[in-house]
Amino acid sequence: MNHAASLDLQAYEDPVFYDRLERAR
């Protein structure tokens, strides 16, 4: 969550990146 909070909003608009972040968790 701390890493996600430091990201730009554009990163969340990318579904591939969001899936990768969730998969990492």
mmCIF file of all heavy atoms, coordinates in Angstrom:
data_MODEL
# 
_entry.id   MODEL 
# 
loop_
_atom_site.group_PDB 
_atom_site.id 
_atom_site.type_symbol 
_atom_site.label_atom_id 
_atom_site.label_alt_id 
_atom_site.label_comp_id 
_atom_site.label_asym_id 
_atom_site.label_entity_id 
_atom_site.label_seq_id 
_atom_site.pdbx_PDB_ins_code 
_atom_site.Cartn_x 
_atom_site.Cartn_y 
_atom_site.Cartn_z 
_atom_site.occupancy 
_atom_site.B_iso_or_equiv 
_atom_site.pdbx_formal_charge 
_atom_site.auth_seq_id 
_atom_site.auth_comp_id 
_atom_site.auth_asym_id 
_atom_site.auth_atom_id 
_atom_site.pdbx_PDB_model_num 
ATOM 1   N N   . MET A 1 1  ? 0.831  -1.210  0.000   1.00 0.00 ? 1  MET A N   1 
ATOM 2   C CA  . MET A 1 1  ? 0.000  0.000   0.000   1.00 0.00 ? 1  MET A CA  1 
ATOM 3   C C   . MET A 1 1  ? 0.865  1.260   0.000   1.00 0.00 ? 1  MET A C   1 
ATOM 4   O O   . MET A 1 1  ? 0.541  2.236   -0.690  1.00 0.00 ? 1  MET A O   1 
ATOM 5   C CB  . MET A 1 1  ? -0.942 0.002   1.199   1.00 0.00 ? 1  MET A CB  1 
ATOM 6   C CG  . MET A 1 1  ? -2.121 -0.933  1.036   1.00 0.00 ? 1  MET A CG  1 
ATOM 7   S SD  . MET A 1 1  ? -3.343 -0.748  2.342   1.00 0.00 ? 1  MET A SD  1 
ATOM 8   C CE  . MET A 1 1  ? -2.617 -1.696  3.652   1.00 0.00 ? 1  MET A CE  1 
ATOM 9   N N   . ASN A 1 2  ? 1.962  1.252   0.778   1.00 0.00 ? 2  ASN A N   1 
ATOM 10  C CA  . ASN A 1 2  ? 2.859  2.413   0.775   1.00 0.00 ? 2  ASN A CA  1 
ATOM 11  C C   . ASN A 1 2  ? 3.473  2.630   -0.594  1.00 0.00 ? 2  ASN A C   1 
ATOM 12  O O   . ASN A 1 2  ? 3.589  3.764   -1.057  1.00 0.00 ? 2  ASN A O   1 
ATOM 13  C CB  . ASN A 1 2  ? 3.961  2.250   1.822   1.00 0.00 ? 2  ASN A CB  1 
ATOM 14  C CG  . ASN A 1 2  ? 3.459  2.466   3.228   1.00 0.00 ? 2  ASN A CG  1 
ATOM 15  O OD1 . ASN A 1 2  ? 2.431  3.101   3.434   1.00 0.00 ? 2  ASN A OD1 1 
ATOM 16  N ND2 . ASN A 1 2  ? 4.162  1.929   4.202   1.00 0.00 ? 2  ASN A ND2 1 
ATOM 17  N N   . HIS A 1 3  ? 3.871  1.540   -1.237  1.00 0.00 ? 3  HIS A N   1 
ATOM 18  C CA  . HIS A 1 3  ? 4.423  1.666   -2.584  1.00 0.00 ? 3  HIS A CA  1 
ATOM 19  C C   . HIS A 1 3  ? 3.356  2.169   -3.555  1.00 0.00 ? 3  HIS A C   1 
ATOM 20  O O   . HIS A 1 3  ? 3.630  3.040   -4.398  1.00 0.00 ? 3  HIS A O   1 
ATOM 21  C CB  . HIS A 1 3  ? 4.988  0.327   -3.064  1.00 0.00 ? 3  HIS A CB  1 
ATOM 22  C CG  . HIS A 1 3  ? 5.555  0.386   -4.441  1.00 0.00 ? 3  HIS A CG  1 
ATOM 23  N ND1 . HIS A 1 3  ? 6.720  1.063   -4.725  1.00 0.00 ? 3  HIS A ND1 1 
ATOM 24  C CD2 . HIS A 1 3  ? 5.106  -0.119  -5.615  1.00 0.00 ? 3  HIS A CD2 1 
ATOM 25  C CE1 . HIS A 1 3  ? 6.968  0.971   -6.017  1.00 0.00 ? 3  HIS A CE1 1 
ATOM 26  N NE2 . HIS A 1 3  ? 6.004  0.253   -6.579  1.00 0.00 ? 3  HIS A NE2 1 
ATOM 27  N N   . ALA A 1 4  ? 2.161  1.632   -3.420  1.00 0.00 ? 4  ALA A N   1 
ATOM 28  C CA  . ALA A 1 4  ? 1.067  2.042   -4.308  1.00 0.00 ? 4  ALA A CA  1 
ATOM 29  C C   . ALA A 1 4  ? 0.729  3.521   -4.099  1.00 0.00 ? 4  ALA A C   1 
ATOM 30  O O   . ALA A 1 4  ? 0.393  4.227   -5.052  1.00 0.00 ? 4  ALA A O   1 
ATOM 31  C CB  . ALA A 1 4  ? -0.159 1.170   -4.057  1.00 0.00 ? 4  ALA A CB  1 
ATOM 32  N N   . ALA A 1 5  ? 0.829  3.991   -2.843  1.00 0.00 ? 5  ALA A N   1 
ATOM 33  C CA  . ALA A 1 5  ? 0.508  5.395   -2.556  1.00 0.00 ? 5  ALA A CA  1 
ATOM 34  C C   . ALA A 1 5  ? 1.529  6.340   -3.190  1.00 0.00 ? 5  ALA A C   1 
ATOM 35  O O   . ALA A 1 5  ? 1.209  7.497   -3.463  1.00 0.00 ? 5  ALA A O   1 
ATOM 36  C CB  . ALA A 1 5  ? 0.454  5.614   -1.054  1.00 0.00 ? 5  ALA A CB  1 
ATOM 37  N N   . SER A 1 6  ? 2.751  5.847   -3.421  1.00 0.00 ? 6  SER A N   1 
ATOM 38  C CA  . SER A 1 6  ? 3.777  6.708   -4.001  1.00 0.00 ? 6  SER A CA  1 
ATOM 39  C C   . SER A 1 6  ? 3.694  6.776   -5.523  1.00 0.00 ? 6  SER A C   1 
ATOM 40  O O   . SER A 1 6  ? 4.413  7.564   -6.138  1.00 0.00 ? 6  SER A O   1 
ATOM 41  C CB  . SER A 1 6  ? 5.169  6.205   -3.589  1.00 0.00 ? 6  SER A CB  1 
ATOM 42  O OG  . SER A 1 6  ? 5.454  4.972   -4.235  1.00 0.00 ? 6  SER A OG  1 
ATOM 43  N N   . LEU A 1 7  ? 2.810  5.997   -6.130  1.00 0.00 ? 7  LEU A N   1 
ATOM 44  C CA  . LEU A 1 7  ? 2.704  5.954   -7.594  1.00 0.00 ? 7  LEU A CA  1 
ATOM 45  C C   . LEU A 1 7  ? 1.794  7.063   -8.125  1.00 0.00 ? 7  LEU A C   1 
ATOM 46  O O   . LEU A 1 7  ? 0.920  7.551   -7.407  1.00 0.00 ? 7  LEU A O   1 
ATOM 47  C CB  . LEU A 1 7  ? 2.170  4.590   -8.034  1.00 0.00 ? 7  LEU A CB  1 
ATOM 48  C CG  . LEU A 1 7  ? 3.034  3.396   -7.668  1.00 0.00 ? 7  LEU A CG  1 
ATOM 49  C CD1 . LEU A 1 7  ? 2.316  2.099   -8.036  1.00 0.00 ? 7  LEU A CD1 1 
ATOM 50  C CD2 . LEU A 1 7  ? 4.383  3.466   -8.345  1.00 0.00 ? 7  LEU A CD2 1 
ATOM 51  N N   . ASP A 1 8  ? 2.000  7.380   -9.365  1.00 0.00 ? 8  ASP A N   1 
ATOM 52  C CA  . ASP A 1 8  ? 1.137  8.360   -10.030 1.00 0.00 ? 8  ASP A CA  1 
ATOM 53  C C   . ASP A 1 8  ? -0.197 7.711   -10.370 1.00 0.00 ? 8  ASP A C   1 
ATOM 54  O O   . ASP A 1 8  ? -0.316 6.501   -10.478 1.00 0.00 ? 8  ASP A O   1 
ATOM 55  C CB  . ASP A 1 8  ? 1.787  8.854   -11.324 1.00 0.00 ? 8  ASP A CB  1 
ATOM 56  C CG  . ASP A 1 8  ? 3.019  9.697   -11.050 1.00 0.00 ? 8  ASP A CG  1 
ATOM 57  O OD1 . ASP A 1 8  ? 3.097  10.281  -9.955  1.00 0.00 ? 8  ASP A OD1 1 
ATOM 58  O OD2 . ASP A 1 8  ? 3.896  9.745   -11.937 1.00 0.00 ? 8  ASP A OD2 1 
ATOM 59  N N   . LEU A 1 9  ? -1.175 8.547   -10.583 1.00 0.00 ? 9  LEU A N   1 
ATOM 60  C CA  . LEU A 1 9  ? -2.510 8.073   -10.937 1.00 0.00 ? 9  LEU A CA  1 
ATOM 61  C C   . LEU A 1 9  ? -2.500 7.318   -12.268 1.00 0.00 ? 9  LEU A C   1 
ATOM 62  O O   . LEU A 1 9  ? -3.273 6.381   -12.458 1.00 0.00 ? 9  LEU A O   1 
ATOM 63  C CB  . LEU A 1 9  ? -3.481 9.254   -11.001 1.00 0.00 ? 9  LEU A CB  1 
ATOM 64  C CG  . LEU A 1 9  ? -4.948 8.917   -11.189 1.00 0.00 ? 9  LEU A CG  1 
ATOM 65  C CD1 . LEU A 1 9  ? -5.434 8.007   -10.063 1.00 0.00 ? 9  LEU A CD1 1 
ATOM 66  C CD2 . LEU A 1 9  ? -5.773 10.187  -11.246 1.00 0.00 ? 9  LEU A CD2 1 
ATOM 67  N N   . GLN A 1 10 ? -1.597 7.664   -13.163 1.00 0.00 ? 10 GLN A N   1 
ATOM 68  C CA  . GLN A 1 10 ? -1.515 6.985   -14.454 1.00 0.00 ? 10 GLN A CA  1 
ATOM 69  C C   . GLN A 1 10 ? -1.232 5.496   -14.291 1.00 0.00 ? 10 GLN A C   1 
ATOM 70  O O   . GLN A 1 10 ? -1.682 4.677   -15.082 1.00 0.00 ? 10 GLN A O   1 
ATOM 71  C CB  . GLN A 1 10 ? -0.430 7.621   -15.320 1.00 0.00 ? 10 GLN A CB  1 
ATOM 72  C CG  . GLN A 1 10 ? -0.764 9.020   -15.770 1.00 0.00 ? 10 GLN A CG  1 
ATOM 73  C CD  . GLN A 1 10 ? 0.403  9.643   -16.529 1.00 0.00 ? 10 GLN A CD  1 
ATOM 74  O OE1 . GLN A 1 10 ? 1.519  9.161   -16.470 1.00 0.00 ? 10 GLN A OE1 1 
ATOM 75  N NE2 . GLN A 1 10 ? 0.123  10.746  -17.217 1.00 0.00 ? 10 GLN A NE2 1 
ATOM 76  N N   . ALA A 1 11 ? -0.472 5.126   -13.262 1.00 0.00 ? 11 ALA A N   1 
ATOM 77  C CA  . ALA A 1 11 ? -0.150 3.713   -13.036 1.00 0.00 ? 11 ALA A CA  1 
ATOM 78  C C   . ALA A 1 11 ? -1.416 2.915   -12.747 1.00 0.00 ? 11 ALA A C   1 
ATOM 79  O O   . ALA A 1 11 ? -1.548 1.764   -13.172 1.00 0.00 ? 11 ALA A O   1 
ATOM 80  C CB  . ALA A 1 11 ? 0.838  3.567   -11.877 1.00 0.00 ? 11 ALA A CB  1 
ATOM 81  N N   . TYR A 1 12 ? -2.363 3.537   -12.049 1.00 0.00 ? 12 TYR A N   1 
ATOM 82  C CA  . TYR A 1 12 ? -3.608 2.834   -11.713 1.00 0.00 ? 12 TYR A CA  1 
ATOM 83  C C   . TYR A 1 12 ? -4.541 2.708   -12.913 1.00 0.00 ? 12 TYR A C   1 
ATOM 84  O O   . TYR A 1 12 ? -5.414 1.853   -12.925 1.00 0.00 ? 12 TYR A O   1 
ATOM 85  C CB  . TYR A 1 12 ? -4.335 3.534   -10.567 1.00 0.00 ? 12 TYR A CB  1 
ATOM 86  C CG  . TYR A 1 12 ? -3.637 3.350   -9.262  1.00 0.00 ? 12 TYR A CG  1 
ATOM 87  C CD1 . TYR A 1 12 ? -2.910 4.381   -8.696  1.00 0.00 ? 12 TYR A CD1 1 
ATOM 88  C CD2 . TYR A 1 12 ? -3.671 2.130   -8.602  1.00 0.00 ? 12 TYR A CD2 1 
ATOM 89  C CE1 . TYR A 1 12 ? -2.252 4.214   -7.499  1.00 0.00 ? 12 TYR A CE1 1 
ATOM 90  C CE2 . TYR A 1 12 ? -3.012 1.953   -7.405  1.00 0.00 ? 12 TYR A CE2 1 
ATOM 91  C CZ  . TYR A 1 12 ? -2.304 2.993   -6.861  1.00 0.00 ? 12 TYR A CZ  1 
ATOM 92  O OH  . TYR A 1 12 ? -1.649 2.816   -5.677  1.00 0.00 ? 12 TYR A OH  1 
ATOM 93  N N   . GLU A 1 13 ? -4.358 3.571   -13.874 1.00 0.00 ? 13 GLU A N   1 
ATOM 94  C CA  . GLU A 1 13 ? -5.196 3.492   -15.062 1.00 0.00 ? 13 GLU A CA  1 
ATOM 95  C C   . GLU A 1 13 ? -4.784 2.342   -15.978 1.00 0.00 ? 13 GLU A C   1 
ATOM 96  O O   . GLU A 1 13 ? -5.536 1.949   -16.850 1.00 0.00 ? 13 GLU A O   1 
ATOM 97  C CB  . GLU A 1 13 ? -5.157 4.828   -15.809 1.00 0.00 ? 13 GLU A CB  1 
ATOM 98  C CG  . GLU A 1 13 ? -5.829 5.937   -15.038 1.00 0.00 ? 13 GLU A CG  1 
ATOM 99  C CD  . GLU A 1 13 ? -5.668 7.298   -15.694 1.00 0.00 ? 13 GLU A CD  1 
ATOM 100 O OE1 . GLU A 1 13 ? -4.941 7.399   -16.701 1.00 0.00 ? 13 GLU A OE1 1 
ATOM 101 O OE2 . GLU A 1 13 ? -6.275 8.254   -15.188 1.00 0.00 ? 13 GLU A OE2 1 
ATOM 102 N N   . ASP A 1 14 ? -3.593 1.823   -15.760 1.00 0.00 ? 14 ASP A N   1 
ATOM 103 C CA  . ASP A 1 14 ? -3.100 0.704   -16.561 1.00 0.00 ? 14 ASP A CA  1 
ATOM 104 C C   . ASP A 1 14 ? -3.519 -0.603  -15.880 1.00 0.00 ? 14 ASP A C   1 
ATOM 105 O O   . ASP A 1 14 ? -3.005 -0.950  -14.809 1.00 0.00 ? 14 ASP A O   1 
ATOM 106 C CB  . ASP A 1 14 ? -1.572 0.779   -16.669 1.00 0.00 ? 14 ASP A CB  1 
ATOM 107 C CG  . ASP A 1 14 ? -0.989 -0.342  -17.503 1.00 0.00 ? 14 ASP A CG  1 
ATOM 108 O OD1 . ASP A 1 14 ? -1.765 -1.050  -18.177 1.00 0.00 ? 14 ASP A OD1 1 
ATOM 109 O OD2 . ASP A 1 14 ? 0.248  -0.505  -17.482 1.00 0.00 ? 14 ASP A OD2 1 
ATOM 110 N N   . PRO A 1 15 ? -4.463 -1.344  -16.456 1.00 0.00 ? 15 PRO A N   1 
ATOM 111 C CA  . PRO A 1 15 ? -4.943 -2.579  -15.806 1.00 0.00 ? 15 PRO A CA  1 
ATOM 112 C C   . PRO A 1 15 ? -3.857 -3.641  -15.660 1.00 0.00 ? 15 PRO A C   1 
ATOM 113 O O   . PRO A 1 15 ? -3.857 -4.408  -14.705 1.00 0.00 ? 15 PRO A O   1 
ATOM 114 C CB  . PRO A 1 15 ? -6.078 -3.059  -16.711 1.00 0.00 ? 15 PRO A CB  1 
ATOM 115 C CG  . PRO A 1 15 ? -5.955 -2.314  -17.983 1.00 0.00 ? 15 PRO A CG  1 
ATOM 116 C CD  . PRO A 1 15 ? -5.151 -1.086  -17.714 1.00 0.00 ? 15 PRO A CD  1 
ATOM 117 N N   . VAL A 1 16 ? -2.908 -3.668  -16.581 1.00 0.00 ? 16 VAL A N   1 
ATOM 118 C CA  . VAL A 1 16 ? -1.816 -4.647  -16.493 1.00 0.00 ? 16 VAL A CA  1 
ATOM 119 C C   . VAL A 1 16 ? -0.969 -4.365  -15.252 1.00 0.00 ? 16 VAL A C   1 
ATOM 120 O O   . VAL A 1 16 ? -0.619 -5.277  -14.491 1.00 0.00 ? 16 VAL A O   1 
ATOM 121 C CB  . VAL A 1 16 ? -0.950 -4.628  -17.775 1.00 0.00 ? 16 VAL A CB  1 
ATOM 122 C CG1 . VAL A 1 16 ? 0.272  -5.519  -17.625 1.00 0.00 ? 16 VAL A CG1 1 
ATOM 123 C CG2 . VAL A 1 16 ? -1.772 -5.029  -18.985 1.00 0.00 ? 16 VAL A CG2 1 
ATOM 124 N N   . PHE A 1 17 ? -0.659 -3.086  -15.025 1.00 0.00 ? 17 PHE A N   1 
ATOM 125 C CA  . PHE A 1 17 ? 0.135  -2.729  -13.856 1.00 0.00 ? 17 PHE A CA  1 
ATOM 126 C C   . PHE A 1 17 ? -0.623 -3.013  -12.561 1.00 0.00 ? 17 PHE A C   1 
ATOM 127 O O   . PHE A 1 17 ? -0.057 -3.533  -11.601 1.00 0.00 ? 17 PHE A O   1 
ATOM 128 C CB  . PHE A 1 17 ? 0.539  -1.250  -13.905 1.00 0.00 ? 17 PHE A CB  1 
ATOM 129 C CG  . PHE A 1 17 ? 1.321  -0.829  -12.702 1.00 0.00 ? 17 PHE A CG  1 
ATOM 130 C CD1 . PHE A 1 17 ? 2.665  -1.128  -12.603 1.00 0.00 ? 17 PHE A CD1 1 
ATOM 131 C CD2 . PHE A 1 17 ? 0.702  -0.158  -11.653 1.00 0.00 ? 17 PHE A CD2 1 
ATOM 132 C CE1 . PHE A 1 17 ? 3.393  -0.767  -11.474 1.00 0.00 ? 17 PHE A CE1 1 
ATOM 133 C CE2 . PHE A 1 17 ? 1.418  0.212   -10.534 1.00 0.00 ? 17 PHE A CE2 1 
ATOM 134 C CZ  . PHE A 1 17 ? 2.768  -0.100  -10.443 1.00 0.00 ? 17 PHE A CZ  1 
ATOM 135 N N   . TYR A 1 18 ? -1.900 -2.668  -12.543 1.00 0.00 ? 18 TYR A N   1 
ATOM 136 C CA  . TYR A 1 18 ? -2.717 -2.903  -11.351 1.00 0.00 ? 18 TYR A CA  1 
ATOM 137 C C   . TYR A 1 18 ? -2.785 -4.400  -11.038 1.00 0.00 ? 18 TYR A C   1 
ATOM 138 O O   . TYR A 1 18 ? -2.664 -4.807  -9.880  1.00 0.00 ? 18 TYR A O   1 
ATOM 139 C CB  . TYR A 1 18 ? -4.117 -2.325  -11.528 1.00 0.00 ? 18 TYR A CB  1 
ATOM 140 C CG  . TYR A 1 18 ? -4.958 -2.449  -10.290 1.00 0.00 ? 18 TYR A CG  1 
ATOM 141 C CD1 . TYR A 1 18 ? -4.779 -1.570  -9.226  1.00 0.00 ? 18 TYR A CD1 1 
ATOM 142 C CD2 . TYR A 1 18 ? -5.901 -3.462  -10.163 1.00 0.00 ? 18 TYR A CD2 1 
ATOM 143 C CE1 . TYR A 1 18 ? -5.537 -1.689  -8.079  1.00 0.00 ? 18 TYR A CE1 1 
ATOM 144 C CE2 . TYR A 1 18 ? -6.657 -3.589  -9.017  1.00 0.00 ? 18 TYR A CE2 1 
ATOM 145 C CZ  . TYR A 1 18 ? -6.463 -2.703  -7.971  1.00 0.00 ? 18 TYR A CZ  1 
ATOM 146 O OH  . TYR A 1 18 ? -7.203 -2.831  -6.831  1.00 0.00 ? 18 TYR A OH  1 
ATOM 147 N N   . ASP A 1 19 ? -2.966 -5.220  -12.069 1.00 0.00 ? 19 ASP A N   1 
ATOM 148 C CA  . ASP A 1 19 ? -2.979 -6.674  -11.868 1.00 0.00 ? 19 ASP A CA  1 
ATOM 149 C C   . ASP A 1 19 ? -1.631 -7.163  -11.330 1.00 0.00 ? 19 ASP A C   1 
ATOM 150 O O   . ASP A 1 19 ? -1.575 -8.017  -10.452 1.00 0.00 ? 19 ASP A O   1 
ATOM 151 C CB  . ASP A 1 19 ? -3.300 -7.410  -13.167 1.00 0.00 ? 19 ASP A CB  1 
ATOM 152 C CG  . ASP A 1 19 ? -4.757 -7.277  -13.562 1.00 0.00 ? 19 ASP A CG  1 
ATOM 153 O OD1 . ASP A 1 19 ? -5.576 -6.896  -12.698 1.00 0.00 ? 19 ASP A OD1 1 
ATOM 154 O OD2 . ASP A 1 19 ? -5.068 -7.568  -14.741 1.00 0.00 ? 19 ASP A OD2 1 
ATOM 155 N N   . ARG A 1 20 ? -0.556 -6.614  -11.851 1.00 0.00 ? 20 ARG A N   1 
ATOM 156 C CA  . ARG A 1 20 ? 0.782  -6.997  -11.393 1.00 0.00 ? 20 ARG A CA  1 
ATOM 157 C C   . ARG A 1 20 ? 0.977  -6.618  -9.920  1.00 0.00 ? 20 ARG A C   1 
ATOM 158 O O   . ARG A 1 20 ? 1.533  -7.382  -9.136  1.00 0.00 ? 20 ARG A O   1 
ATOM 159 C CB  . ARG A 1 20 ? 1.832  -6.321  -12.268 1.00 0.00 ? 20 ARG A CB  1 
ATOM 160 C CG  . ARG A 1 20 ? 3.209  -6.904  -12.074 1.00 0.00 ? 20 ARG A CG  1 
ATOM 161 C CD  . ARG A 1 20 ? 4.217  -6.291  -13.023 1.00 0.00 ? 20 ARG A CD  1 
ATOM 162 N NE  . ARG A 1 20 ? 3.848  -6.561  -14.407 1.00 0.00 ? 20 ARG A NE  1 
ATOM 163 C CZ  . ARG A 1 20 ? 4.178  -5.787  -15.430 1.00 0.00 ? 20 ARG A CZ  1 
ATOM 164 N NH1 . ARG A 1 20 ? 4.878  -4.691  -15.230 1.00 0.00 ? 20 ARG A NH1 1 
ATOM 165 N NH2 . ARG A 1 20 ? 3.809  -6.091  -16.650 1.00 0.00 ? 20 ARG A NH2 1 
ATOM 166 N N   . LEU A 1 21 ? 0.496  -5.448  -9.537  1.00 0.00 ? 21 LEU A N   1 
ATOM 167 C CA  . LEU A 1 21 ? 0.600  -4.996  -8.150  1.00 0.00 ? 21 LEU A CA  1 
ATOM 168 C C   . LEU A 1 21 ? -0.205 -5.912  -7.227  1.00 0.00 ? 21 LEU A C   1 
ATOM 169 O O   . LEU A 1 21 ? 0.280  -6.317  -6.166  1.00 0.00 ? 21 LEU A O   1 
ATOM 170 C CB  . LEU A 1 21 ? 0.098  -3.548  -8.042  1.00 0.00 ? 21 LEU A CB  1 
ATOM 171 C CG  . LEU A 1 21 ? 0.285  -2.840  -6.717  1.00 0.00 ? 21 LEU A CG  1 
ATOM 172 C CD1 . LEU A 1 21 ? 1.768  -2.655  -6.427  1.00 0.00 ? 21 LEU A CD1 1 
ATOM 173 C CD2 . LEU A 1 21 ? -0.409 -1.492  -6.760  1.00 0.00 ? 21 LEU A CD2 1 
ATOM 174 N N   . GLU A 1 22 ? -1.404 -6.255  -7.633  1.00 0.00 ? 22 GLU A N   1 
ATOM 175 C CA  . GLU A 1 22 ? -2.245 -7.146  -6.825  1.00 0.00 ? 22 GLU A CA  1 
ATOM 176 C C   . GLU A 1 22 ? -1.634 -8.542  -6.750  1.00 0.00 ? 22 GLU A C   1 
ATOM 177 O O   . GLU A 1 22 ? -1.628 -9.182  -5.696  1.00 0.00 ? 22 GLU A O   1 
ATOM 178 C CB  . GLU A 1 22 ? -3.659 -7.207  -7.410  1.00 0.00 ? 22 GLU A CB  1 
ATOM 179 C CG  . GLU A 1 22 ? -4.615 -8.090  -6.642  1.00 0.00 ? 22 GLU A CG  1 
ATOM 180 C CD  . GLU A 1 22 ? -4.844 -7.635  -5.212  1.00 0.00 ? 22 GLU A CD  1 
ATOM 181 O OE1 . GLU A 1 22 ? -4.605 -6.457  -4.886  1.00 0.00 ? 22 GLU A OE1 1 
ATOM 182 O OE2 . GLU A 1 22 ? -5.259 -8.489  -4.395  1.00 0.00 ? 22 GLU A OE2 1 
ATOM 183 N N   . ARG A 1 23 ? -1.097 -9.026  -7.863  1.00 0.00 ? 23 ARG A N   1 
ATOM 184 C CA  . ARG A 1 23 ? -0.458 -10.337 -7.882  1.00 0.00 ? 23 ARG A CA  1 
ATOM 185 C C   . ARG A 1 23 ? 0.765  -10.351 -6.954  1.00 0.00 ? 23 ARG A C   1 
ATOM 186 O O   . ARG A 1 23 ? 1.033  -11.342 -6.273  1.00 0.00 ? 23 ARG A O   1 
ATOM 187 C CB  . ARG A 1 23 ? -0.056 -10.715 -9.312  1.00 0.00 ? 23 ARG A CB  1 
ATOM 188 C CG  . ARG A 1 23 ? 0.099  -12.187 -9.509  1.00 0.00 ? 23 ARG A CG  1 
ATOM 189 C CD  . ARG A 1 23 ? 0.308  -12.598 -10.962 1.00 0.00 ? 23 ARG A CD  1 
ATOM 190 N NE  . ARG A 1 23 ? -0.381 -11.783 -11.937 1.00 0.00 ? 23 ARG A NE  1 
ATOM 191 C CZ  . ARG A 1 23 ? 0.216  -11.089 -12.908 1.00 0.00 ? 23 ARG A CZ  1 
ATOM 192 N NH1 . ARG A 1 23 ? 1.522  -11.127 -13.046 1.00 0.00 ? 23 ARG A NH1 1 
ATOM 193 N NH2 . ARG A 1 23 ? -0.492 -10.373 -13.750 1.00 0.00 ? 23 ARG A NH2 1 
ATOM 194 N N   . ALA A 1 24 ? 1.516  -9.269  -6.913  1.00 0.00 ? 24 ALA A N   1 
ATOM 195 C CA  . ALA A 1 24 ? 2.681  -9.172  -6.025  1.00 0.00 ? 24 ALA A CA  1 
ATOM 196 C C   . ALA A 1 24 ? 2.250  -9.293  -4.567  1.00 0.00 ? 24 ALA A C   1 
ATOM 197 O O   . ALA A 1 24 ? 2.892  -9.984  -3.769  1.00 0.00 ? 24 ALA A O   1 
ATOM 198 C CB  . ALA A 1 24 ? 3.419  -7.863  -6.258  1.00 0.00 ? 24 ALA A CB  1 
ATOM 199 N N   . ARG A 1 25 ? 1.159  -8.633  -4.222  1.00 0.00 ? 25 ARG A N   1 
ATOM 200 C CA  . ARG A 1 25 ? 0.675  -8.701  -2.835  1.00 0.00 ? 25 ARG A CA  1 
ATOM 201 C C   . ARG A 1 25 ? 0.245  -10.124 -2.486  1.00 0.00 ? 25 ARG A C   1 
ATOM 202 O O   . ARG A 1 25 ? 0.597  -10.650 -1.441  1.00 0.00 ? 25 ARG A O   1 
ATOM 203 C CB  . ARG A 1 25 ? -0.490 -7.732  -2.631  1.00 0.00 ? 25 ARG A CB  1 
ATOM 204 C CG  . ARG A 1 25 ? -0.957 -7.642  -1.185  1.00 0.00 ? 25 ARG A CG  1 
ATOM 205 C CD  . ARG A 1 25 ? -2.239 -6.846  -1.053  1.00 0.00 ? 25 ARG A CD  1 
ATOM 206 N NE  . ARG A 1 25 ? -3.365 -7.469  -1.713  1.00 0.00 ? 25 ARG A NE  1 
ATOM 207 C CZ  . ARG A 1 25 ? -4.042 -8.503  -1.214  1.00 0.00 ? 25 ARG A CZ  1 
ATOM 208 N NH1 . ARG A 1 25 ? -3.698 -9.040  -0.073  1.00 0.00 ? 25 ARG A NH1 1 
ATOM 209 N NH2 . ARG A 1 25 ? -5.063 -9.018  -1.867  1.00 0.00 ? 25 ARG A NH2 1 
# 
